């Protein structure tokens, strides 16, 4: 199957798209892997996962699936130059579907917890703003667990959970990285950051 995007022809992997769409059922209370190596949060309104351009599929393949599944807000935690840029392609593909999307980059260190708590507060603020709008929000690092898990943990603390409850919840989710099911999505430094982070009022 092919689609015309701007002046480019994009080739969709039909079986991949069908598999992801089957798994991406937005059911209340369900947190499940969706083929994009991520984790559902907040009753299907928030997906934490990997960079769209990482893995065997192109960024365009994954962006098509995310857009078709209802994702309208992208929060990118990668550092510039760490992974392929996709914001321009996201705009093209959203325009082709007649949809409006938002993209914001909030770069965080890949493994160690960020030194500046204000940077995390800004990401959590951004996600809260997105969740008040229409569509699903996708927050990602390069891999699906570390930085997204850090932000999800802090979001849960912001919403009244204790840090230990948030960390335990993250460890019991179905996180996949490179096809492997993994627990403990956060490094020790990131876990300590969630424990010590103080949400802004």
N, C-alpha and C. Protein backbone atom coordinates (compact mmCIF):
# COMPACT_ATOMS: atom_id res chain seq x y z
N UNK A 1 0.85 -1.18 0.00
CA UNK A 1 0.00 0.00 0.00
C UNK A 1 0.89 1.23 0.00
N UNK A 2 0.54 2.25 -0.74
CA UNK A 2 1.35 3.46 -0.79
C UNK A 2 0.46 4.68 -0.62
N UNK A 3 1.08 5.79 -0.20
CA UNK A 3 0.34 7.03 -0.07
C UNK A 3 1.24 8.16 -0.51
N UNK A 4 0.66 9.18 -1.06
CA UNK A 4 1.42 10.34 -1.52
C UNK A 4 1.47 11.36 -0.41
N UNK A 5 2.68 11.74 0.03
CA UNK A 5 2.85 12.73 1.07
C UNK A 5 3.71 13.83 0.49
N UNK A 6 3.13 15.03 0.28
CA UNK A 6 3.86 16.10 -0.39
C UNK A 6 4.26 15.60 -1.76
N UNK A 7 5.55 15.65 -2.06
CA UNK A 7 6.04 15.15 -3.34
C UNK A 7 6.72 13.80 -3.19
N UNK A 8 6.59 13.20 -2.01
CA UNK A 8 7.26 11.94 -1.74
C UNK A 8 6.25 10.79 -1.72
N UNK A 9 6.72 9.63 -2.13
CA UNK A 9 5.90 8.44 -2.05
C UNK A 9 6.35 7.64 -0.84
N UNK A 10 5.44 7.40 0.09
CA UNK A 10 5.82 6.62 1.27
C UNK A 10 5.19 5.23 1.15
N UNK A 11 5.94 4.24 1.52
CA UNK A 11 5.47 2.86 1.44
C UNK A 11 5.14 2.37 2.84
N UNK A 12 3.94 1.97 3.05
CA UNK A 12 3.53 1.50 4.36
C UNK A 12 3.67 -0.01 4.44
N UNK A 13 4.11 -0.46 5.59
CA UNK A 13 4.16 -1.88 5.85
C UNK A 13 2.79 -2.30 6.37
N UNK A 14 2.01 -2.92 5.50
CA UNK A 14 0.61 -3.19 5.82
C UNK A 14 0.47 -4.09 7.05
N UNK A 15 1.28 -5.14 7.11
CA UNK A 15 1.16 -6.08 8.23
C UNK A 15 1.57 -5.41 9.53
N UNK A 16 2.61 -4.59 9.49
CA UNK A 16 3.05 -3.88 10.69
C UNK A 16 1.96 -2.94 11.18
N UNK A 17 1.41 -2.14 10.27
CA UNK A 17 0.37 -1.20 10.66
C UNK A 17 -0.84 -1.91 11.24
N UNK A 18 -1.25 -3.01 10.62
CA UNK A 18 -2.41 -3.74 11.12
C UNK A 18 -2.15 -4.31 12.50
N UNK A 19 -0.93 -4.82 12.71
CA UNK A 19 -0.61 -5.41 14.01
C UNK A 19 -0.63 -4.36 15.11
N UNK A 20 -0.05 -3.21 14.82
CA UNK A 20 -0.03 -2.16 15.84
C UNK A 20 -1.42 -1.66 16.13
N UNK A 21 -2.23 -1.46 15.09
CA UNK A 21 -3.58 -0.96 15.31
C UNK A 21 -4.42 -1.95 16.10
N UNK A 22 -4.21 -3.25 15.89
CA UNK A 22 -4.95 -4.24 16.68
C UNK A 22 -4.59 -4.13 18.15
N UNK A 23 -3.32 -3.87 18.43
CA UNK A 23 -2.88 -3.82 19.82
C UNK A 23 -3.16 -2.47 20.48
N UNK A 24 -3.34 -1.44 19.68
CA UNK A 24 -3.51 -0.09 20.23
C UNK A 24 -4.98 0.20 20.49
N UNK A 25 -5.59 -0.60 21.32
CA UNK A 25 -6.98 -0.38 21.69
C UNK A 25 -7.02 0.51 22.93
N UNK A 26 -7.71 1.63 22.84
CA UNK A 26 -7.69 2.60 23.92
C UNK A 26 -8.78 2.25 24.93
N UNK A 27 -8.50 1.28 25.77
CA UNK A 27 -9.45 0.81 26.76
C UNK A 27 -9.08 1.36 28.13
N UNK A 28 -10.04 1.89 28.90
CA UNK A 28 -9.73 2.46 30.20
C UNK A 28 -8.99 1.46 31.08
N UNK A 29 -7.95 1.95 31.73
CA UNK A 29 -7.24 1.13 32.69
C UNK A 29 -6.26 0.14 32.10
N UNK A 30 -6.11 0.11 30.80
CA UNK A 30 -5.23 -0.86 30.17
C UNK A 30 -3.89 -0.22 29.86
N UNK A 31 -2.81 -0.85 30.32
CA UNK A 31 -1.47 -0.43 29.94
C UNK A 31 -0.82 -1.64 29.28
N UNK A 32 -0.55 -1.56 28.00
CA UNK A 32 -0.07 -2.72 27.27
C UNK A 32 0.92 -2.31 26.20
N UNK A 33 1.84 -3.19 25.85
CA UNK A 33 2.71 -2.88 24.72
C UNK A 33 1.89 -2.80 23.45
N UNK A 34 2.27 -1.93 22.54
CA UNK A 34 1.45 -1.70 21.36
C UNK A 34 2.22 -1.91 20.06
N UNK A 35 3.32 -2.65 20.13
CA UNK A 35 4.08 -2.86 18.92
C UNK A 35 5.05 -1.72 18.63
N UNK A 36 4.88 -0.61 19.33
CA UNK A 36 5.79 0.52 19.19
C UNK A 36 6.78 0.56 20.35
N UNK A 37 6.86 -0.53 21.10
CA UNK A 37 7.78 -0.63 22.22
C UNK A 37 7.54 0.49 23.22
N UNK A 38 6.35 0.49 23.79
CA UNK A 38 6.01 1.53 24.75
C UNK A 38 5.09 1.03 25.83
N UNK A 39 4.45 1.96 26.49
CA UNK A 39 3.59 1.65 27.61
C UNK A 39 2.44 2.65 27.65
N UNK A 40 1.22 2.15 27.78
CA UNK A 40 0.07 3.04 27.89
C UNK A 40 -0.03 3.59 29.30
N UNK A 41 -0.34 4.86 29.40
CA UNK A 41 -0.47 5.55 30.67
C UNK A 41 -1.75 6.39 30.61
N UNK A 42 -2.34 6.65 31.77
CA UNK A 42 -3.47 7.59 31.87
C UNK A 42 -4.64 7.16 30.99
N UNK A 43 -5.04 5.90 31.13
CA UNK A 43 -6.24 5.40 30.45
C UNK A 43 -6.23 5.64 28.95
N UNK A 44 -5.09 5.37 28.32
CA UNK A 44 -5.04 5.47 26.88
C UNK A 44 -4.87 6.87 26.33
N UNK A 45 -4.70 7.87 27.19
CA UNK A 45 -4.49 9.24 26.70
C UNK A 45 -3.02 9.56 26.50
N UNK A 46 -2.15 8.78 27.11
CA UNK A 46 -0.72 9.05 27.06
C UNK A 46 0.02 7.76 26.74
N UNK A 47 0.91 7.83 25.77
CA UNK A 47 1.76 6.69 25.41
C UNK A 47 3.21 7.09 25.58
N UNK A 48 3.95 6.31 26.34
CA UNK A 48 5.39 6.53 26.50
C UNK A 48 6.10 5.47 25.69
N UNK A 49 7.06 5.88 24.86
CA UNK A 49 7.68 4.90 23.99
C UNK A 49 9.00 5.35 23.41
N UNK A 50 9.38 4.67 22.32
CA UNK A 50 10.68 4.89 21.68
C UNK A 50 10.58 5.94 20.57
N UNK A 51 11.72 6.46 20.18
CA UNK A 51 11.81 7.39 19.05
C UNK A 51 11.22 6.73 17.81
N UNK A 52 10.40 7.46 17.05
CA UNK A 52 9.76 6.84 15.88
C UNK A 52 10.74 6.28 14.87
N UNK A 53 11.98 6.79 14.82
CA UNK A 53 12.94 6.34 13.82
C UNK A 53 13.86 5.23 14.29
N UNK A 54 13.64 4.68 15.48
CA UNK A 54 14.50 3.62 16.00
C UNK A 54 13.89 2.25 15.70
N UNK A 55 14.73 1.32 15.22
CA UNK A 55 14.24 -0.02 14.97
C UNK A 55 14.18 -0.35 13.49
N UNK A 56 13.50 -1.45 13.16
CA UNK A 56 13.52 -1.92 11.77
C UNK A 56 12.62 -1.12 10.84
N UNK A 57 11.76 -0.25 11.39
CA UNK A 57 10.84 0.50 10.54
C UNK A 57 11.28 1.95 10.46
N UNK A 58 10.95 2.61 9.38
CA UNK A 58 11.32 4.01 9.23
C UNK A 58 10.45 4.88 10.13
N UNK A 59 10.93 6.11 10.36
CA UNK A 59 10.12 7.04 11.15
C UNK A 59 8.76 7.25 10.51
N UNK A 60 8.73 7.29 9.17
CA UNK A 60 7.46 7.49 8.48
C UNK A 60 6.46 6.38 8.75
N UNK A 61 6.92 5.12 8.77
CA UNK A 61 6.03 3.99 9.07
C UNK A 61 5.38 4.18 10.43
N UNK A 62 6.21 4.49 11.42
CA UNK A 62 5.70 4.63 12.77
C UNK A 62 4.83 5.88 12.92
N UNK A 63 5.21 6.97 12.28
CA UNK A 63 4.39 8.17 12.36
C UNK A 63 3.02 7.93 11.76
N UNK A 64 2.94 7.22 10.65
CA UNK A 64 1.64 6.89 10.06
C UNK A 64 0.76 6.14 11.05
N UNK A 65 1.36 5.15 11.72
CA UNK A 65 0.59 4.34 12.67
C UNK A 65 0.14 5.20 13.85
N UNK A 66 1.05 6.01 14.38
CA UNK A 66 0.70 6.86 15.52
C UNK A 66 -0.41 7.85 15.15
N UNK A 67 -0.29 8.47 13.99
CA UNK A 67 -1.31 9.43 13.57
C UNK A 67 -2.65 8.74 13.34
N UNK A 68 -2.62 7.60 12.70
CA UNK A 68 -3.87 6.88 12.44
C UNK A 68 -4.52 6.39 13.74
N UNK A 69 -3.68 6.14 14.77
CA UNK A 69 -4.21 5.69 16.06
C UNK A 69 -4.75 6.84 16.90
N UNK A 70 -4.50 8.09 16.47
CA UNK A 70 -5.06 9.22 17.18
C UNK A 70 -4.07 10.07 17.95
N UNK A 71 -2.76 9.81 17.79
CA UNK A 71 -1.76 10.64 18.47
C UNK A 71 -1.71 12.01 17.78
N UNK A 72 -1.81 13.05 18.58
CA UNK A 72 -1.78 14.41 18.04
C UNK A 72 -0.74 15.30 18.70
N UNK A 73 -0.10 14.80 19.75
CA UNK A 73 0.90 15.59 20.46
C UNK A 73 2.15 14.73 20.66
N UNK A 74 3.30 15.26 20.28
CA UNK A 74 4.57 14.55 20.37
C UNK A 74 5.50 15.34 21.29
N UNK A 75 6.02 14.67 22.31
CA UNK A 75 6.97 15.28 23.25
C UNK A 75 8.26 14.48 23.16
N UNK A 76 9.29 15.11 22.62
CA UNK A 76 10.56 14.47 22.29
C UNK A 76 11.59 14.80 23.37
N UNK A 77 12.10 13.77 24.04
CA UNK A 77 13.06 13.95 25.13
C UNK A 77 14.50 13.76 24.68
N UNK A 78 14.74 13.52 23.39
CA UNK A 78 16.10 13.25 22.92
C UNK A 78 16.89 14.54 22.79
N UNK A 79 18.20 14.39 22.82
CA UNK A 79 19.11 15.51 22.63
C UNK A 79 19.30 15.72 21.13
N UNK A 80 19.32 16.96 20.64
CA UNK A 80 19.54 17.19 19.21
C UNK A 80 20.79 16.45 18.70
N UNK A 81 20.64 15.75 17.59
CA UNK A 81 21.72 14.97 17.02
C UNK A 81 21.79 13.54 17.50
N UNK A 82 21.01 13.21 18.52
CA UNK A 82 21.03 11.85 19.07
C UNK A 82 20.33 10.86 18.14
N UNK A 83 19.24 11.28 17.54
CA UNK A 83 18.44 10.44 16.65
C UNK A 83 17.99 11.27 15.45
N UNK A 84 17.48 10.59 14.44
CA UNK A 84 17.03 11.29 13.24
C UNK A 84 15.91 12.29 13.58
N UNK A 85 15.98 13.45 12.96
CA UNK A 85 14.92 14.45 13.14
C UNK A 85 13.69 14.03 12.33
N UNK A 86 12.51 14.23 12.91
CA UNK A 86 11.30 13.79 12.20
C UNK A 86 10.19 14.84 12.21
N UNK A 87 10.42 15.99 12.86
CA UNK A 87 9.34 16.98 12.98
C UNK A 87 8.82 17.41 11.61
N UNK A 88 9.73 17.60 10.64
CA UNK A 88 9.31 18.03 9.31
C UNK A 88 8.44 16.97 8.65
N UNK A 89 8.80 15.70 8.83
CA UNK A 89 8.03 14.63 8.23
C UNK A 89 6.68 14.47 8.93
N UNK A 90 6.67 14.68 10.23
CA UNK A 90 5.41 14.64 10.98
C UNK A 90 4.43 15.67 10.43
N UNK A 91 4.92 16.89 10.18
CA UNK A 91 4.04 17.93 9.64
C UNK A 91 3.49 17.53 8.27
N UNK A 92 4.33 16.98 7.41
CA UNK A 92 3.88 16.57 6.09
C UNK A 92 2.80 15.50 6.16
N UNK A 93 3.04 14.51 7.01
CA UNK A 93 2.09 13.40 7.09
C UNK A 93 0.80 13.81 7.77
N UNK A 94 0.87 14.68 8.76
CA UNK A 94 -0.34 15.18 9.40
C UNK A 94 -1.15 16.02 8.41
N UNK A 95 -0.46 16.88 7.63
CA UNK A 95 -1.16 17.68 6.63
C UNK A 95 -1.86 16.80 5.61
N UNK A 96 -1.21 15.70 5.22
CA UNK A 96 -1.81 14.80 4.25
C UNK A 96 -3.10 14.17 4.79
N UNK A 97 -3.17 14.03 6.10
CA UNK A 97 -4.37 13.46 6.74
C UNK A 97 -5.37 14.54 7.13
N UNK A 98 -4.98 15.80 6.95
CA UNK A 98 -5.86 16.90 7.35
C UNK A 98 -5.94 17.07 8.85
N UNK A 99 -4.89 16.70 9.57
CA UNK A 99 -4.87 16.77 11.03
C UNK A 99 -3.87 17.80 11.51
N UNK A 100 -4.14 18.35 12.68
CA UNK A 100 -3.22 19.27 13.33
C UNK A 100 -2.46 18.52 14.42
N UNK A 101 -1.15 18.74 14.49
CA UNK A 101 -0.34 18.08 15.51
C UNK A 101 0.56 19.11 16.18
N UNK A 102 1.04 18.77 17.36
CA UNK A 102 2.03 19.59 18.03
C UNK A 102 3.27 18.75 18.28
N UNK A 103 4.42 19.42 18.24
CA UNK A 103 5.69 18.77 18.52
C UNK A 103 6.51 19.69 19.42
N UNK A 104 7.06 19.14 20.48
CA UNK A 104 7.91 19.93 21.38
C UNK A 104 9.09 19.06 21.81
N UNK A 105 10.28 19.64 21.77
CA UNK A 105 11.46 18.92 22.24
C UNK A 105 11.88 19.48 23.60
N UNK A 106 12.07 18.56 24.54
CA UNK A 106 12.57 18.88 25.87
C UNK A 106 13.71 17.92 26.16
N UNK A 107 14.93 18.21 25.70
CA UNK A 107 16.03 17.25 25.81
C UNK A 107 16.43 16.97 27.25
N UNK A 108 16.57 15.68 27.55
CA UNK A 108 17.02 15.23 28.87
C UNK A 108 18.18 14.26 28.69
N UNK A 109 19.08 14.16 29.67
CA UNK A 109 20.16 13.19 29.59
C UNK A 109 19.61 11.78 29.43
N UNK A 110 20.35 10.94 28.72
CA UNK A 110 19.82 9.64 28.34
C UNK A 110 19.72 8.65 29.51
N UNK A 111 20.70 8.59 30.38
CA UNK A 111 20.70 7.57 31.42
C UNK A 111 20.59 8.14 32.83
N UNK A 112 21.32 9.19 33.10
CA UNK A 112 21.29 9.73 34.45
C UNK A 112 20.15 10.72 34.61
N UNK A 113 19.64 10.80 35.83
CA UNK A 113 18.57 11.74 36.10
C UNK A 113 19.03 13.16 35.87
N UNK A 114 18.17 14.01 35.30
CA UNK A 114 18.56 15.38 35.01
C UNK A 114 18.93 16.13 36.30
N UNK A 115 19.94 16.96 36.22
CA UNK A 115 20.36 17.74 37.38
C UNK A 115 19.34 18.83 37.67
N UNK A 116 18.79 19.42 36.63
CA UNK A 116 17.88 20.55 36.76
C UNK A 116 16.44 20.06 36.86
N UNK A 117 15.88 20.12 38.07
CA UNK A 117 14.49 19.68 38.26
C UNK A 117 13.51 20.54 37.48
N UNK A 118 13.89 21.79 37.20
CA UNK A 118 13.00 22.68 36.43
C UNK A 118 12.75 22.11 35.04
N UNK A 119 13.77 21.47 34.45
CA UNK A 119 13.59 20.89 33.12
C UNK A 119 12.51 19.82 33.14
N UNK A 120 12.50 18.99 34.18
CA UNK A 120 11.47 17.95 34.29
C UNK A 120 10.11 18.58 34.50
N UNK A 121 10.04 19.61 35.32
CA UNK A 121 8.77 20.29 35.55
C UNK A 121 8.19 20.83 34.25
N UNK A 122 9.06 21.34 33.38
CA UNK A 122 8.58 21.87 32.10
C UNK A 122 8.01 20.77 31.22
N UNK A 123 8.64 19.59 31.24
CA UNK A 123 8.11 18.47 30.45
C UNK A 123 6.75 18.04 31.00
N UNK A 124 6.66 17.91 32.32
CA UNK A 124 5.40 17.49 32.93
C UNK A 124 4.31 18.52 32.65
N UNK A 125 4.66 19.81 32.73
CA UNK A 125 3.70 20.86 32.39
C UNK A 125 3.21 20.70 30.95
N UNK A 126 4.14 20.43 30.05
CA UNK A 126 3.78 20.27 28.63
C UNK A 126 2.82 19.11 28.45
N UNK A 127 3.10 17.99 29.10
CA UNK A 127 2.23 16.83 28.96
C UNK A 127 0.86 17.12 29.55
N UNK A 128 0.81 17.78 30.68
CA UNK A 128 -0.49 18.13 31.27
C UNK A 128 -1.29 19.00 30.31
N UNK A 129 -0.63 19.97 29.65
CA UNK A 129 -1.31 20.81 28.68
C UNK A 129 -1.85 19.97 27.52
N UNK A 130 -1.03 19.05 27.04
CA UNK A 130 -1.47 18.19 25.93
C UNK A 130 -2.65 17.33 26.32
N UNK A 131 -2.63 16.81 27.53
CA UNK A 131 -3.71 15.93 27.98
C UNK A 131 -5.02 16.68 28.15
N UNK A 132 -4.95 17.98 28.30
CA UNK A 132 -6.18 18.77 28.38
C UNK A 132 -6.78 19.03 27.01
N UNK A 133 -6.02 18.76 25.95
CA UNK A 133 -6.52 18.95 24.60
C UNK A 133 -7.07 17.67 24.01
N UNK A 134 -7.30 17.69 22.71
CA UNK A 134 -7.81 16.52 22.01
C UNK A 134 -6.65 15.61 21.60
N UNK A 135 -6.97 14.36 21.39
CA UNK A 135 -5.99 13.43 20.87
C UNK A 135 -5.11 12.83 21.95
N UNK A 136 -4.25 11.94 21.52
CA UNK A 136 -3.36 11.20 22.40
C UNK A 136 -1.99 11.85 22.38
N UNK A 137 -1.29 11.80 23.49
CA UNK A 137 0.05 12.36 23.61
C UNK A 137 1.07 11.24 23.61
N UNK A 138 2.15 11.43 22.84
CA UNK A 138 3.23 10.45 22.76
C UNK A 138 4.51 11.09 23.27
N UNK A 139 5.04 10.57 24.38
CA UNK A 139 6.30 11.07 24.93
C UNK A 139 7.35 9.99 24.71
N UNK A 140 8.52 10.39 24.23
CA UNK A 140 9.52 9.38 23.90
C UNK A 140 10.93 9.87 24.12
N UNK A 141 11.82 8.92 24.38
CA UNK A 141 13.26 9.13 24.31
C UNK A 141 13.76 8.40 23.09
N UNK A 142 15.03 7.99 23.11
CA UNK A 142 15.50 7.11 22.04
C UNK A 142 14.99 5.70 22.28
N UNK A 143 15.19 5.19 23.48
CA UNK A 143 14.61 3.90 23.86
C UNK A 143 13.29 4.18 24.57
N UNK A 144 12.46 3.14 24.75
CA UNK A 144 11.11 3.39 25.24
C UNK A 144 10.97 3.54 26.74
N UNK A 145 12.05 3.34 27.51
CA UNK A 145 11.85 3.19 28.94
C UNK A 145 12.42 4.32 29.78
N UNK A 146 13.71 4.62 29.64
CA UNK A 146 14.40 5.41 30.64
C UNK A 146 13.83 6.82 30.81
N UNK A 147 14.00 7.68 29.83
CA UNK A 147 13.53 9.05 29.97
C UNK A 147 11.99 9.12 29.99
N UNK A 148 11.29 8.38 29.12
CA UNK A 148 9.83 8.39 29.24
C UNK A 148 9.36 7.90 30.61
N UNK A 149 10.01 6.84 31.13
CA UNK A 149 9.63 6.33 32.44
C UNK A 149 9.86 7.35 33.54
N UNK A 150 10.96 8.08 33.44
CA UNK A 150 11.25 9.14 34.40
C UNK A 150 10.13 10.18 34.41
N UNK A 151 9.72 10.60 33.23
CA UNK A 151 8.67 11.63 33.14
C UNK A 151 7.34 11.08 33.63
N UNK A 152 7.01 9.86 33.28
CA UNK A 152 5.75 9.27 33.75
C UNK A 152 5.77 9.17 35.27
N UNK A 153 6.90 8.75 35.85
CA UNK A 153 6.99 8.67 37.29
C UNK A 153 6.76 10.02 37.95
N UNK A 154 7.36 11.08 37.40
CA UNK A 154 7.18 12.41 37.96
C UNK A 154 5.76 12.92 37.75
N UNK A 155 5.16 12.58 36.62
CA UNK A 155 3.76 12.95 36.39
C UNK A 155 2.85 12.31 37.44
N UNK A 156 3.12 11.06 37.76
CA UNK A 156 2.32 10.38 38.78
C UNK A 156 2.49 11.03 40.14
N UNK A 157 3.73 11.43 40.46
CA UNK A 157 3.97 12.14 41.72
C UNK A 157 3.24 13.47 41.72
N UNK A 158 3.28 14.18 40.60
CA UNK A 158 2.55 15.45 40.48
C UNK A 158 1.06 15.24 40.76
N UNK A 159 0.54 14.09 40.34
CA UNK A 159 -0.88 13.82 40.50
C UNK A 159 -1.23 13.16 41.83
N UNK A 160 -0.27 13.12 42.73
CA UNK A 160 -0.60 12.70 44.10
C UNK A 160 -0.10 11.35 44.54
N UNK A 161 0.53 10.58 43.64
CA UNK A 161 1.07 9.28 44.05
C UNK A 161 2.39 9.48 44.80
N UNK A 162 2.69 8.56 45.70
CA UNK A 162 3.99 8.61 46.34
C UNK A 162 5.04 8.14 45.34
N UNK A 163 6.29 8.58 45.50
CA UNK A 163 7.33 8.12 44.58
C UNK A 163 7.46 6.60 44.53
N UNK A 164 7.32 5.93 45.66
CA UNK A 164 7.47 4.47 45.66
C UNK A 164 6.33 3.79 44.91
N UNK A 165 5.13 4.32 45.06
CA UNK A 165 4.00 3.76 44.29
C UNK A 165 4.24 3.97 42.80
N UNK A 166 4.71 5.16 42.43
CA UNK A 166 4.96 5.44 41.01
C UNK A 166 6.04 4.52 40.46
N UNK A 167 7.13 4.33 41.19
CA UNK A 167 8.22 3.48 40.72
C UNK A 167 7.77 2.03 40.63
N UNK A 168 6.99 1.58 41.60
CA UNK A 168 6.49 0.20 41.56
C UNK A 168 5.58 0.01 40.37
N UNK A 169 4.73 1.00 40.09
CA UNK A 169 3.83 0.91 38.93
C UNK A 169 4.62 0.78 37.64
N UNK A 170 5.68 1.59 37.51
CA UNK A 170 6.50 1.54 36.31
C UNK A 170 7.15 0.17 36.14
N UNK A 171 7.58 -0.43 37.24
CA UNK A 171 8.25 -1.72 37.16
C UNK A 171 7.30 -2.85 36.80
N UNK A 172 6.01 -2.66 37.01
CA UNK A 172 5.05 -3.72 36.71
C UNK A 172 4.39 -3.56 35.34
N UNK A 173 4.77 -2.53 34.60
CA UNK A 173 4.20 -2.34 33.26
C UNK A 173 4.90 -3.25 32.26
N UNK A 174 4.27 -3.41 31.12
CA UNK A 174 4.85 -4.21 30.04
C UNK A 174 5.72 -3.33 29.14
N UNK A 175 6.95 -3.14 29.54
CA UNK A 175 7.89 -2.36 28.74
C UNK A 175 8.68 -3.30 27.84
N UNK A 176 8.80 -2.95 26.60
CA UNK A 176 9.61 -3.75 25.67
C UNK A 176 10.70 -2.89 25.09
N UNK A 177 11.88 -3.47 24.99
CA UNK A 177 13.03 -2.76 24.44
C UNK A 177 13.78 -3.73 23.53
N UNK A 178 13.78 -3.44 22.23
CA UNK A 178 14.41 -4.36 21.29
C UNK A 178 13.71 -5.71 21.24
N UNK A 179 12.41 -5.72 21.51
CA UNK A 179 11.64 -6.97 21.49
C UNK A 179 11.65 -7.71 22.81
N UNK A 180 12.49 -7.31 23.75
CA UNK A 180 12.57 -7.99 25.04
C UNK A 180 11.65 -7.31 26.04
N UNK A 181 10.96 -8.13 26.83
CA UNK A 181 10.13 -7.61 27.90
C UNK A 181 11.04 -7.31 29.10
N UNK A 182 10.98 -6.08 29.59
CA UNK A 182 11.86 -5.68 30.68
C UNK A 182 11.09 -4.97 31.79
N UNK A 183 11.58 -5.12 33.00
CA UNK A 183 11.10 -4.31 34.11
C UNK A 183 12.23 -3.36 34.50
N UNK A 184 12.03 -2.61 35.56
CA UNK A 184 12.99 -1.62 36.01
C UNK A 184 13.38 -0.68 34.87
N UNK A 185 12.42 0.12 34.41
CA UNK A 185 12.71 0.99 33.28
C UNK A 185 13.68 2.12 33.61
N UNK A 186 13.88 2.42 34.89
CA UNK A 186 14.72 3.55 35.25
C UNK A 186 16.06 3.10 35.80
N UNK A 187 17.08 3.90 35.53
CA UNK A 187 18.37 3.67 36.16
C UNK A 187 18.27 4.04 37.63
N UNK A 188 19.27 3.67 38.41
CA UNK A 188 19.26 4.02 39.84
C UNK A 188 19.21 5.54 40.02
N UNK A 189 19.97 6.27 39.19
CA UNK A 189 19.96 7.73 39.29
C UNK A 189 18.57 8.29 39.00
N UNK A 190 17.90 7.71 38.01
CA UNK A 190 16.57 8.19 37.67
C UNK A 190 15.55 7.85 38.76
N UNK A 191 15.67 6.67 39.35
CA UNK A 191 14.79 6.32 40.47
C UNK A 191 14.99 7.29 41.63
N UNK A 192 16.25 7.60 41.95
CA UNK A 192 16.53 8.54 43.03
C UNK A 192 15.97 9.92 42.71
N UNK A 193 16.01 10.29 41.41
CA UNK A 193 15.47 11.58 41.02
C UNK A 193 13.97 11.63 41.28
N UNK A 194 13.24 10.59 40.91
CA UNK A 194 11.79 10.55 41.15
C UNK A 194 11.52 10.65 42.64
N UNK A 195 12.33 9.98 43.44
CA UNK A 195 12.10 10.01 44.90
C UNK A 195 12.32 11.40 45.48
N UNK A 196 13.24 12.15 44.91
CA UNK A 196 13.59 13.44 45.49
C UNK A 196 12.90 14.61 44.80
N UNK A 197 12.24 14.36 43.68
CA UNK A 197 11.66 15.45 42.90
C UNK A 197 10.47 16.05 43.64
N UNK A 198 10.41 17.37 43.68
CA UNK A 198 9.31 18.07 44.33
C UNK A 198 8.48 18.79 43.28
N UNK A 199 7.24 18.36 43.07
CA UNK A 199 6.42 19.01 42.04
C UNK A 199 6.15 20.47 42.38
N UNK A 200 6.07 21.29 41.34
CA UNK A 200 5.67 22.67 41.55
C UNK A 200 4.16 22.71 41.78
N UNK A 201 3.72 23.62 42.59
CA UNK A 201 2.29 23.74 42.86
C UNK A 201 1.61 24.42 41.69
